[in-house]
Amino acid sequence: MDEPRDLSAKEAIAQAKDLVIDSIAETMDLYGITRSAGILYGTMYLSDEMTLDEMREELQMSKPSMSTSVKKLQDLNIVKKTFHRGRRKHSFVAEKDFFTFFTSFFPQKWEREVKVNLAAIQDAQQALQNVAEDDGLEQSVKEEAKALYEQLEQSKPYYDWLMRLAQAVQSGEIFKFIPIEDKK
């Protein structure tokens, strides 16, 4: 065996892993997950399973930051706690199938967007309706309230569509329309 070549190959493997981990972390950051949680997920994605101590040692993260990130990833259903009889420590495993990841992660984000925005629209429309129906106000003010009310009303089909998209992704129905292609 050629030790220098083996060492060089191991360095190339480590660099390849770092590229993937960094890419995953950057992508997750785009969707509101902290970069440190993204790095943790990427590291776990490229590992079999890890204990909290192994994660902390590998990533040099503080215990509170590690626990917060693991909890967030568990809440998103992309990291699962595993149990092994006879072991004191729990280990964790990352979801390796990006289609399963997708069907867990994005619908939660979209459903939250729908709920937050529809609640705001409902409150805003109630306030705007009160202004529009107030006979003591100038007509131009009432018209502005009516126009804004209507603009908000026109956004509701989007939120209905987004909720249906979230449900179709979560149920897997989306794959009937956009099938997964085997690129082997």
N, C-alpha and C. Protein backbone atom coordinates (compact mmCIF):
# COMPACT_ATOMS: atom_id res chain seq x y z
N MET A 1 0.83 -1.19 0.00
CA MET A 1 0.00 0.00 0.00
C MET A 1 0.87 1.25 0.00
N ASP A 2 0.38 2.26 -0.66
CA ASP A 2 1.10 3.52 -0.77
C ASP A 2 0.48 4.50 0.23
N GLU A 3 1.14 4.66 1.40
CA GLU A 3 0.57 5.49 2.47
C GLU A 3 0.34 6.94 2.05
N PRO A 4 1.29 7.60 1.35
CA PRO A 4 1.02 8.98 0.92
C PRO A 4 -0.21 9.08 0.00
N ARG A 5 -0.36 8.12 -0.89
CA ARG A 5 -1.53 8.14 -1.79
C ARG A 5 -2.82 7.93 -1.00
N ASP A 6 -2.79 6.99 -0.04
CA ASP A 6 -3.96 6.73 0.80
C ASP A 6 -4.32 7.99 1.59
N LEU A 7 -3.31 8.65 2.14
CA LEU A 7 -3.55 9.87 2.91
C LEU A 7 -4.15 10.96 2.02
N SER A 8 -3.61 11.08 0.82
CA SER A 8 -4.12 12.07 -0.14
C SER A 8 -5.57 11.76 -0.53
N ALA A 9 -5.86 10.47 -0.71
CA ALA A 9 -7.22 10.07 -1.07
C ALA A 9 -8.18 10.35 0.08
N LYS A 10 -7.74 10.09 1.32
CA LYS A 10 -8.59 10.38 2.48
C LYS A 10 -8.86 11.88 2.60
N GLU A 11 -7.85 12.69 2.29
CA GLU A 11 -8.05 14.15 2.30
C GLU A 11 -9.05 14.56 1.23
N ALA A 12 -8.98 13.94 0.07
CA ALA A 12 -9.92 14.25 -1.02
C ALA A 12 -11.34 13.86 -0.61
N ILE A 13 -11.49 12.73 0.07
CA ILE A 13 -12.80 12.31 0.56
C ILE A 13 -13.33 13.31 1.59
N ALA A 14 -12.48 13.73 2.51
CA ALA A 14 -12.89 14.70 3.54
C ALA A 14 -13.31 16.02 2.90
N GLN A 15 -12.57 16.47 1.88
CA GLN A 15 -12.92 17.70 1.18
C GLN A 15 -14.25 17.55 0.44
N ALA A 16 -14.48 16.40 -0.16
CA ALA A 16 -15.75 16.16 -0.85
C ALA A 16 -16.90 16.21 0.14
N LYS A 17 -16.72 15.58 1.30
CA LYS A 17 -17.76 15.62 2.34
C LYS A 17 -18.02 17.06 2.78
N ASP A 18 -16.94 17.83 2.97
CA ASP A 18 -17.09 19.22 3.41
C ASP A 18 -17.88 20.04 2.38
N LEU A 19 -17.63 19.80 1.09
CA LEU A 19 -18.37 20.50 0.04
C LEU A 19 -19.87 20.21 0.14
N VAL A 20 -20.21 18.94 0.32
CA VAL A 20 -21.62 18.54 0.40
C VAL A 20 -22.25 19.11 1.67
N ILE A 21 -21.56 19.00 2.79
CA ILE A 21 -22.08 19.51 4.06
C ILE A 21 -22.33 21.01 3.96
N ASP A 22 -21.36 21.73 3.39
CA ASP A 22 -21.52 23.18 3.25
C ASP A 22 -22.69 23.53 2.34
N SER A 23 -22.85 22.77 1.27
CA SER A 23 -23.96 23.00 0.33
C SER A 23 -25.31 22.75 1.02
N ILE A 24 -25.41 21.66 1.77
CA ILE A 24 -26.65 21.35 2.50
C ILE A 24 -26.94 22.46 3.51
N ALA A 25 -25.92 22.89 4.24
CA ALA A 25 -26.11 23.95 5.25
C ALA A 25 -26.57 25.24 4.60
N GLU A 26 -25.98 25.59 3.47
CA GLU A 26 -26.37 26.81 2.77
C GLU A 26 -27.81 26.73 2.27
N THR A 27 -28.18 25.58 1.74
CA THR A 27 -29.55 25.38 1.25
C THR A 27 -30.55 25.47 2.39
N MET A 28 -30.25 24.82 3.51
CA MET A 28 -31.17 24.86 4.64
C MET A 28 -31.30 26.27 5.20
N ASP A 29 -30.19 27.03 5.16
CA ASP A 29 -30.21 28.41 5.61
C ASP A 29 -31.18 29.25 4.77
N LEU A 30 -31.27 28.94 3.48
CA LEU A 30 -32.21 29.64 2.60
C LEU A 30 -33.65 29.46 3.07
N TYR A 31 -33.92 28.33 3.74
CA TYR A 31 -35.27 28.01 4.17
C TYR A 31 -35.48 28.21 5.67
N GLY A 32 -34.62 29.02 6.29
CA GLY A 32 -34.87 29.43 7.66
C GLY A 32 -34.32 28.51 8.74
N ILE A 33 -33.49 27.56 8.37
CA ILE A 33 -32.85 26.70 9.36
C ILE A 33 -31.44 27.24 9.57
N THR A 34 -31.02 27.35 10.82
CA THR A 34 -29.71 27.92 11.09
C THR A 34 -28.61 27.15 10.37
N ARG A 35 -27.57 27.86 10.04
CA ARG A 35 -26.45 27.24 9.35
C ARG A 35 -25.85 26.11 10.19
N SER A 36 -25.76 26.32 11.50
CA SER A 36 -25.19 25.27 12.36
C SER A 36 -26.06 24.01 12.33
N ALA A 37 -27.39 24.17 12.31
CA ALA A 37 -28.28 23.00 12.20
C ALA A 37 -28.11 22.35 10.83
N GLY A 38 -27.88 23.15 9.80
CA GLY A 38 -27.65 22.61 8.46
C GLY A 38 -26.34 21.83 8.39
N ILE A 39 -25.32 22.35 9.04
CA ILE A 39 -24.04 21.63 9.07
C ILE A 39 -24.21 20.32 9.83
N LEU A 40 -24.95 20.38 10.93
CA LEU A 40 -25.21 19.16 11.70
C LEU A 40 -25.95 18.13 10.84
N TYR A 41 -27.02 18.57 10.16
CA TYR A 41 -27.77 17.64 9.31
C TYR A 41 -26.86 17.06 8.22
N GLY A 42 -26.07 17.91 7.56
CA GLY A 42 -25.17 17.45 6.51
C GLY A 42 -24.17 16.43 7.02
N THR A 43 -23.64 16.68 8.21
CA THR A 43 -22.69 15.74 8.82
C THR A 43 -23.37 14.42 9.12
N MET A 44 -24.58 14.50 9.67
CA MET A 44 -25.33 13.28 10.00
C MET A 44 -25.75 12.55 8.73
N TYR A 45 -26.08 13.30 7.69
CA TYR A 45 -26.48 12.70 6.41
C TYR A 45 -25.37 11.81 5.86
N LEU A 46 -24.13 12.23 6.07
CA LEU A 46 -22.98 11.48 5.55
C LEU A 46 -22.44 10.46 6.56
N SER A 47 -23.14 10.31 7.67
CA SER A 47 -22.74 9.34 8.70
C SER A 47 -23.85 8.31 8.88
N ASP A 48 -23.52 7.21 9.53
CA ASP A 48 -24.55 6.22 9.80
C ASP A 48 -25.49 6.71 10.89
N GLU A 49 -24.98 6.79 12.09
CA GLU A 49 -25.73 7.37 13.21
C GLU A 49 -24.72 7.95 14.17
N MET A 50 -25.16 8.91 14.97
CA MET A 50 -24.23 9.60 15.86
C MET A 50 -24.90 9.86 17.21
N THR A 51 -24.10 9.80 18.27
CA THR A 51 -24.57 10.22 19.58
C THR A 51 -24.33 11.73 19.69
N LEU A 52 -24.94 12.35 20.69
CA LEU A 52 -24.73 13.78 20.91
C LEU A 52 -23.25 14.07 21.16
N ASP A 53 -22.58 13.21 21.90
CA ASP A 53 -21.16 13.41 22.16
C ASP A 53 -20.34 13.35 20.87
N GLU A 54 -20.67 12.40 19.99
CA GLU A 54 -19.96 12.29 18.71
C GLU A 54 -20.20 13.52 17.85
N MET A 55 -21.43 14.03 17.86
CA MET A 55 -21.74 15.24 17.09
C MET A 55 -20.94 16.42 17.62
N ARG A 56 -20.94 16.56 18.95
CA ARG A 56 -20.25 17.69 19.57
C ARG A 56 -18.75 17.61 19.28
N GLU A 57 -18.19 16.41 19.36
CA GLU A 57 -16.76 16.23 19.08
C GLU A 57 -16.45 16.52 17.61
N GLU A 58 -17.26 16.03 16.71
CA GLU A 58 -17.05 16.21 15.28
C GLU A 58 -17.17 17.67 14.86
N LEU A 59 -18.14 18.37 15.42
CA LEU A 59 -18.45 19.73 14.96
C LEU A 59 -17.95 20.83 15.89
N GLN A 60 -17.45 20.43 17.06
CA GLN A 60 -16.97 21.42 18.03
C GLN A 60 -18.05 22.46 18.37
N MET A 61 -19.29 21.98 18.53
CA MET A 61 -20.40 22.85 18.89
C MET A 61 -20.62 22.76 20.40
N SER A 62 -21.18 23.83 20.96
CA SER A 62 -21.51 23.81 22.38
C SER A 62 -22.68 22.86 22.62
N LYS A 63 -22.79 22.37 23.83
CA LYS A 63 -23.86 21.43 24.15
C LYS A 63 -25.25 22.05 23.93
N PRO A 64 -25.49 23.30 24.40
CA PRO A 64 -26.82 23.91 24.16
C PRO A 64 -27.13 24.08 22.67
N SER A 65 -26.13 24.51 21.88
CA SER A 65 -26.34 24.69 20.45
C SER A 65 -26.63 23.35 19.78
N MET A 66 -25.90 22.32 20.20
CA MET A 66 -26.09 20.98 19.65
C MET A 66 -27.50 20.48 19.96
N SER A 67 -27.90 20.61 21.21
CA SER A 67 -29.23 20.13 21.61
C SER A 67 -30.34 20.87 20.88
N THR A 68 -30.19 22.18 20.74
CA THR A 68 -31.19 22.99 20.03
C THR A 68 -31.28 22.56 18.57
N SER A 69 -30.15 22.34 17.93
CA SER A 69 -30.14 21.94 16.52
C SER A 69 -30.75 20.56 16.33
N VAL A 70 -30.38 19.63 17.21
CA VAL A 70 -30.94 18.27 17.10
C VAL A 70 -32.45 18.32 17.28
N LYS A 71 -32.92 19.08 18.27
CA LYS A 71 -34.36 19.19 18.54
C LYS A 71 -35.08 19.79 17.32
N LYS A 72 -34.50 20.82 16.73
CA LYS A 72 -35.11 21.44 15.55
C LYS A 72 -35.20 20.44 14.40
N LEU A 73 -34.13 19.69 14.18
CA LEU A 73 -34.13 18.70 13.10
C LEU A 73 -35.12 17.56 13.38
N GLN A 74 -35.28 17.20 14.66
CA GLN A 74 -36.28 16.19 15.02
C GLN A 74 -37.69 16.73 14.77
N ASP A 75 -37.92 18.00 15.14
CA ASP A 75 -39.23 18.61 14.93
C ASP A 75 -39.61 18.63 13.45
N LEU A 76 -38.61 18.74 12.60
CA LEU A 76 -38.84 18.74 11.15
C LEU A 76 -38.94 17.32 10.58
N ASN A 77 -38.80 16.32 11.44
CA ASN A 77 -38.87 14.91 11.03
C ASN A 77 -37.78 14.52 10.04
N ILE A 78 -36.61 15.15 10.17
CA ILE A 78 -35.51 14.78 9.28
C ILE A 78 -34.35 14.17 10.05
N VAL A 79 -34.49 14.09 11.37
CA VAL A 79 -33.56 13.37 12.23
C VAL A 79 -34.39 12.59 13.23
N LYS A 80 -34.02 11.33 13.43
CA LYS A 80 -34.75 10.46 14.36
C LYS A 80 -33.81 9.96 15.44
N LYS A 81 -34.36 9.86 16.66
CA LYS A 81 -33.62 9.27 17.77
C LYS A 81 -33.75 7.77 17.66
N THR A 82 -32.63 7.07 17.86
CA THR A 82 -32.65 5.61 17.79
C THR A 82 -32.31 5.04 19.16
N PHE A 83 -32.78 3.85 19.40
CA PHE A 83 -32.53 3.19 20.67
C PHE A 83 -31.89 1.84 20.40
N HIS A 84 -30.85 1.55 21.16
CA HIS A 84 -30.19 0.25 21.06
C HIS A 84 -30.15 -0.36 22.45
N ARG A 85 -30.75 -1.51 22.58
CA ARG A 85 -30.78 -2.20 23.87
C ARG A 85 -29.34 -2.40 24.38
N GLY A 86 -29.14 -2.09 25.64
CA GLY A 86 -27.84 -2.28 26.27
C GLY A 86 -26.93 -1.06 26.17
N ARG A 87 -27.32 -0.06 25.39
CA ARG A 87 -26.53 1.17 25.30
C ARG A 87 -27.12 2.23 26.20
N ARG A 88 -26.25 2.97 26.84
CA ARG A 88 -26.71 4.05 27.71
C ARG A 88 -27.14 5.28 26.90
N LYS A 89 -26.41 5.57 25.86
CA LYS A 89 -26.64 6.80 25.10
C LYS A 89 -27.52 6.54 23.89
N HIS A 90 -28.39 7.49 23.65
CA HIS A 90 -29.19 7.45 22.43
C HIS A 90 -28.31 7.91 21.26
N SER A 91 -28.65 7.43 20.11
CA SER A 91 -28.00 7.94 18.91
C SER A 91 -29.08 8.51 18.00
N PHE A 92 -28.63 9.22 17.00
CA PHE A 92 -29.54 9.89 16.09
C PHE A 92 -29.13 9.57 14.67
N VAL A 93 -30.11 9.50 13.80
CA VAL A 93 -29.85 9.21 12.40
C VAL A 93 -30.61 10.22 11.54
N ALA A 94 -29.93 10.70 10.49
CA ALA A 94 -30.54 11.67 9.58
C ALA A 94 -31.29 10.96 8.48
N GLU A 95 -32.35 11.58 8.00
CA GLU A 95 -33.08 11.07 6.84
C GLU A 95 -32.15 11.15 5.64
N LYS A 96 -31.97 10.04 4.95
CA LYS A 96 -31.06 9.98 3.81
C LYS A 96 -31.77 10.18 2.47
N ASP A 97 -33.06 9.93 2.44
CA ASP A 97 -33.84 10.04 1.21
C ASP A 97 -34.35 11.48 1.08
N PHE A 98 -33.83 12.21 0.10
CA PHE A 98 -34.22 13.61 -0.06
C PHE A 98 -35.69 13.77 -0.45
N PHE A 99 -36.30 12.78 -1.05
CA PHE A 99 -37.73 12.87 -1.35
C PHE A 99 -38.54 12.83 -0.06
N THR A 100 -38.14 11.96 0.86
CA THR A 100 -38.81 11.92 2.17
C THR A 100 -38.56 13.21 2.92
N PHE A 101 -37.32 13.70 2.86
CA PHE A 101 -36.96 14.98 3.46
C PHE A 101 -37.89 16.07 2.91
N PHE A 102 -37.99 16.12 1.59
CA PHE A 102 -38.81 17.13 0.92
C PHE A 102 -40.26 17.09 1.39
N THR A 103 -40.82 15.87 1.46
CA THR A 103 -42.23 15.74 1.82
C THR A 103 -42.47 16.02 3.30
N SER A 104 -41.43 16.02 4.12
CA SER A 104 -41.56 16.38 5.53
C SER A 104 -41.32 17.87 5.75
N PHE A 105 -40.28 18.38 5.12
CA PHE A 105 -39.79 19.72 5.41
C PHE A 105 -40.65 20.83 4.81
N PHE A 106 -40.83 20.81 3.50
CA PHE A 106 -41.47 21.94 2.83
C PHE A 106 -42.95 22.12 3.17
N PRO A 107 -43.74 21.07 3.23
CA PRO A 107 -45.15 21.29 3.58
C PRO A 107 -45.33 22.00 4.94
N GLN A 108 -44.48 21.70 5.90
CA GLN A 108 -44.56 22.39 7.19
C GLN A 108 -44.34 23.89 7.02
N LYS A 109 -43.35 24.25 6.21
CA LYS A 109 -43.06 25.67 5.95
C LYS A 109 -44.22 26.34 5.23
N TRP A 110 -44.76 25.67 4.23
CA TRP A 110 -45.86 26.25 3.45
C TRP A 110 -47.12 26.39 4.29
N GLU A 111 -47.43 25.37 5.10
CA GLU A 111 -48.62 25.45 5.95
C GLU A 111 -48.50 26.60 6.94
N ARG A 112 -47.31 26.80 7.47
CA ARG A 112 -47.10 27.92 8.40
C ARG A 112 -47.29 29.25 7.67
N GLU A 113 -46.76 29.36 6.45
CA GLU A 113 -46.95 30.57 5.66
C GLU A 113 -48.43 30.86 5.46
N VAL A 114 -49.19 29.84 5.12
CA VAL A 114 -50.63 30.01 4.88
C VAL A 114 -51.32 30.49 6.16
N LYS A 115 -51.07 29.82 7.27
CA LYS A 115 -51.75 30.17 8.52
C LYS A 115 -51.41 31.58 8.98
N VAL A 116 -50.13 31.93 8.93
CA VAL A 116 -49.69 33.26 9.37
C VAL A 116 -50.31 34.34 8.50
N ASN A 117 -50.23 34.16 7.18
CA ASN A 117 -50.72 35.20 6.27
C ASN A 117 -52.24 35.29 6.23
N LEU A 118 -52.93 34.16 6.28
CA LEU A 118 -54.40 34.24 6.28
C LEU A 118 -54.93 34.86 7.57
N ALA A 119 -54.27 34.60 8.69
CA ALA A 119 -54.68 35.24 9.94
C ALA A 119 -54.48 36.75 9.86
N ALA A 120 -53.36 37.18 9.29
CA ALA A 120 -53.11 38.62 9.13
C ALA A 120 -54.10 39.24 8.17
N ILE A 121 -54.40 38.54 7.08
CA ILE A 121 -55.37 39.05 6.10
C ILE A 121 -56.74 39.19 6.74
N GLN A 122 -57.14 38.21 7.51
CA GLN A 122 -58.45 38.25 8.16
C GLN A 122 -58.54 39.46 9.10
N ASP A 123 -57.51 39.66 9.91
CA ASP A 123 -57.50 40.81 10.82
C ASP A 123 -57.49 42.13 10.05
N ALA A 124 -56.66 42.19 9.01
CA ALA A 124 -56.58 43.41 8.21
C ALA A 124 -57.90 43.70 7.51
N GLN A 125 -58.53 42.67 6.97
CA GLN A 125 -59.80 42.88 6.27
C GLN A 125 -60.89 43.35 7.22
N GLN A 126 -60.88 42.86 8.43
CA GLN A 126 -61.87 43.31 9.41
C GLN A 126 -61.69 44.80 9.69
N ALA A 127 -60.44 45.21 9.89
CA ALA A 127 -60.16 46.63 10.12
C ALA A 127 -60.53 47.47 8.90
N LEU A 128 -60.22 46.97 7.72
CA LEU A 128 -60.54 47.70 6.49
C LEU A 128 -62.05 47.79 6.26
N GLN A 129 -62.77 46.75 6.59
CA GLN A 129 -64.22 46.77 6.45
C GLN A 129 -64.84 47.81 7.39
N ASN A 130 -64.29 47.89 8.61
CA ASN A 130 -64.78 48.90 9.55
C ASN A 130 -64.58 50.31 9.00
N VAL A 131 -63.42 50.53 8.37
CA VAL A 131 -63.15 51.85 7.77
C VAL A 131 -64.10 52.09 6.60
N ALA A 132 -64.26 51.11 5.73
CA ALA A 132 -65.09 51.26 4.53
C ALA A 132 -66.56 51.52 4.88
N GLU A 133 -67.02 51.01 6.02
CA GLU A 133 -68.43 51.17 6.40
C GLU A 133 -68.69 52.36 7.31
N ASP A 134 -67.64 53.10 7.64
CA ASP A 134 -67.78 54.24 8.55
C ASP A 134 -68.27 55.46 7.76
N ASP A 135 -69.52 55.85 7.99
CA ASP A 135 -70.12 56.97 7.25
C ASP A 135 -69.54 58.32 7.63
N GLY A 136 -68.77 58.37 8.70
CA GLY A 136 -68.18 59.64 9.13
C GLY A 136 -66.85 59.93 8.46
N LEU A 137 -66.41 59.07 7.55
CA LEU A 137 -65.11 59.27 6.90
C LEU A 137 -65.29 59.79 5.48
N GLU A 138 -64.23 60.42 4.98
CA GLU A 138 -64.24 60.91 3.60
C GLU A 138 -64.31 59.72 2.64
N GLN A 139 -64.94 59.93 1.51
CA GLN A 139 -65.13 58.89 0.52
C GLN A 139 -63.79 58.34 0.02
N SER A 140 -62.78 59.21 -0.14
CA SER A 140 -61.47 58.75 -0.65
C SER A 140 -60.81 57.77 0.33
N VAL A 141 -60.99 57.99 1.63
CA VAL A 141 -60.42 57.10 2.64
C VAL A 141 -61.16 55.75 2.58
N LYS A 142 -62.48 55.82 2.46
CA LYS A 142 -63.28 54.60 2.37
C LYS A 142 -62.93 53.80 1.12
N GLU A 143 -62.70 54.49 0.00
CA GLU A 143 -62.33 53.83 -1.26
C GLU A 143 -60.96 53.16 -1.15
N GLU A 144 -60.03 53.84 -0.47
CA GLU A 144 -58.70 53.25 -0.27
C GLU A 144 -58.81 51.95 0.54
N ALA A 145 -59.64 51.98 1.58
CA ALA A 145 -59.85 50.78 2.40
C ALA A 145 -60.49 49.66 1.58
N LYS A 146 -61.46 50.00 0.74
CA LYS A 146 -62.12 49.00 -0.11
C LYS A 146 -61.14 48.40 -1.11
N ALA A 147 -60.29 49.24 -1.70
CA ALA A 147 -59.32 48.76 -2.69
C ALA A 147 -58.31 47.80 -2.03
N LEU A 148 -57.84 48.16 -0.86
CA LEU A 148 -56.89 47.29 -0.17
C LEU A 148 -57.57 45.99 0.26
N TYR A 149 -58.81 46.07 0.71
CA TYR A 149 -59.58 44.88 1.08
C TYR A 149 -59.65 43.93 -0.12
N GLU A 150 -59.96 44.48 -1.28
CA GLU A 150 -60.09 43.66 -2.49
C GLU A 150 -58.75 43.06 -2.91
N GLN A 151 -57.67 43.84 -2.78
CA GLN A 151 -56.34 43.32 -3.11
C GLN A 151 -56.01 42.12 -2.22
N LEU A 152 -56.33 42.23 -0.95
CA LEU A 152 -56.09 41.12 -0.02
C LEU A 152 -56.98 39.93 -0.36
N GLU A 153 -58.20 40.20 -0.76
CA GLU A 153 -59.12 39.12 -1.13
C GLU A 153 -58.57 38.33 -2.32
N GLN A 154 -57.93 39.05 -3.25
CA GLN A 154 -57.39 38.40 -4.45
C GLN A 154 -56.18 37.53 -4.15
N SER A 155 -55.56 37.69 -2.97
CA SER A 155 -54.42 36.84 -2.61
C SER A 155 -54.87 35.49 -2.02
N LYS A 156 -56.11 35.38 -1.62
CA LYS A 156 -56.59 34.16 -0.96
C LYS A 156 -56.50 32.90 -1.85
N PRO A 157 -56.78 32.99 -3.16
CA PRO A 157 -56.62 31.77 -3.98
C PRO A 157 -55.20 31.22 -3.96
N TYR A 158 -54.20 32.12 -3.85
CA TYR A 158 -52.82 31.65 -3.77
C TYR A 158 -52.63 30.81 -2.51
N TYR A 159 -53.13 31.28 -1.39
CA TYR A 159 -52.95 30.55 -0.13
C TYR A 159 -53.72 29.24 -0.14
N ASP A 160 -54.87 29.22 -0.79
CA ASP A 160 -55.61 27.97 -0.95
C ASP A 160 -54.80 27.00 -1.79
N TRP A 161 -54.23 27.49 -2.89
CA TRP A 161 -53.40 26.65 -3.76
C TRP A 161 -52.18 26.14 -3.01
N LEU A 162 -51.52 27.02 -2.24
CA LEU A 162 -50.33 26.62 -1.50
C LEU A 162 -50.65 25.55 -0.47
N MET A 163 -51.80 25.64 0.18
CA MET A 163 -52.21 24.62 1.15
C MET A 163 -52.46 23.29 0.43
N ARG A 164 -53.08 23.35 -0.73
CA ARG A 164 -53.32 22.12 -1.49
C ARG A 164 -52.00 21.52 -1.99
N LEU A 165 -51.05 22.38 -2.37
CA LEU A 165 -49.73 21.90 -2.76
C LEU A 165 -49.05 21.21 -1.58
N ALA A 166 -49.11 21.83 -0.42
CA ALA A 166 -48.51 21.24 0.78
C ALA A 166 -49.11 19.86 1.06
N GLN A 167 -50.43 19.76 0.93
CA GLN A 167 -51.09 18.47 1.17
C GLN A 167 -50.69 17.43 0.12
N ALA A 168 -50.56 17.87 -1.14
CA ALA A 168 -50.18 16.95 -2.21
C ALA A 168 -48.74 16.46 -2.03
N VAL A 169 -47.88 17.33 -1.57
CA VAL A 169 -46.49 16.93 -1.32
C VAL A 169 -46.42 16.00 -0.12
N GLN A 170 -47.10 16.38 0.95
CA GLN A 170 -47.07 15.58 2.17
C GLN A 170 -47.62 14.17 1.95
N SER A 171 -48.66 14.06 1.16
CA SER A 171 -49.29 12.76 0.92
C SER A 171 -48.54 11.95 -0.14
N GLY A 172 -47.66 12.61 -0.89
CA GLY A 172 -46.96 11.93 -1.98
C GLY A 172 -47.70 12.00 -3.30
N GLU A 173 -48.90 12.58 -3.28
CA GLU A 173 -49.71 12.69 -4.50
C GLU A 173 -48.98 13.46 -5.60
N ILE A 174 -48.12 14.38 -5.21
CA ILE A 174 -47.37 15.18 -6.18
C ILE A 174 -46.57 14.31 -7.14
N PHE A 175 -46.14 13.14 -6.65
CA PHE A 175 -45.31 12.28 -7.48
C PHE A 175 -46.09 11.60 -8.60
N LYS A 176 -47.42 11.68 -8.56
CA LYS A 176 -48.22 11.21 -9.69
C LYS A 176 -48.07 12.16 -10.88
N PHE A 177 -47.89 13.44 -10.56
CA PHE A 177 -47.81 14.47 -11.59
C PHE A 177 -46.37 14.75 -12.02
N ILE A 178 -45.46 14.62 -11.07
CA ILE A 178 -44.04 14.79 -11.34
C ILE A 178 -43.34 13.56 -10.77
N PRO A 179 -43.29 12.49 -11.55
CA PRO A 179 -42.72 11.24 -11.02
C PRO A 179 -41.21 11.36 -10.77
N ILE A 180 -40.76 10.55 -9.86
CA ILE A 180 -39.33 10.45 -9.56
C ILE A 180 -38.71 9.61 -10.66
N GLU A 181 -37.70 10.16 -11.31
CA GLU A 181 -37.02 9.44 -12.38
C GLU A 181 -35.81 8.72 -11.82
N ASP A 182 -35.61 7.51 -12.27
CA ASP A 182 -34.44 6.73 -11.87
C ASP A 182 -33.31 7.07 -12.84
N LYS A 183 -32.29 7.74 -12.35
CA LYS A 183 -31.20 8.22 -13.22
C LYS A 183 -29.96 7.33 -13.13
N LYS A 184 -30.13 6.05 -12.93
CA LYS A 184 -28.98 5.15 -12.77
C LYS A 184 -28.23 4.99 -14.06
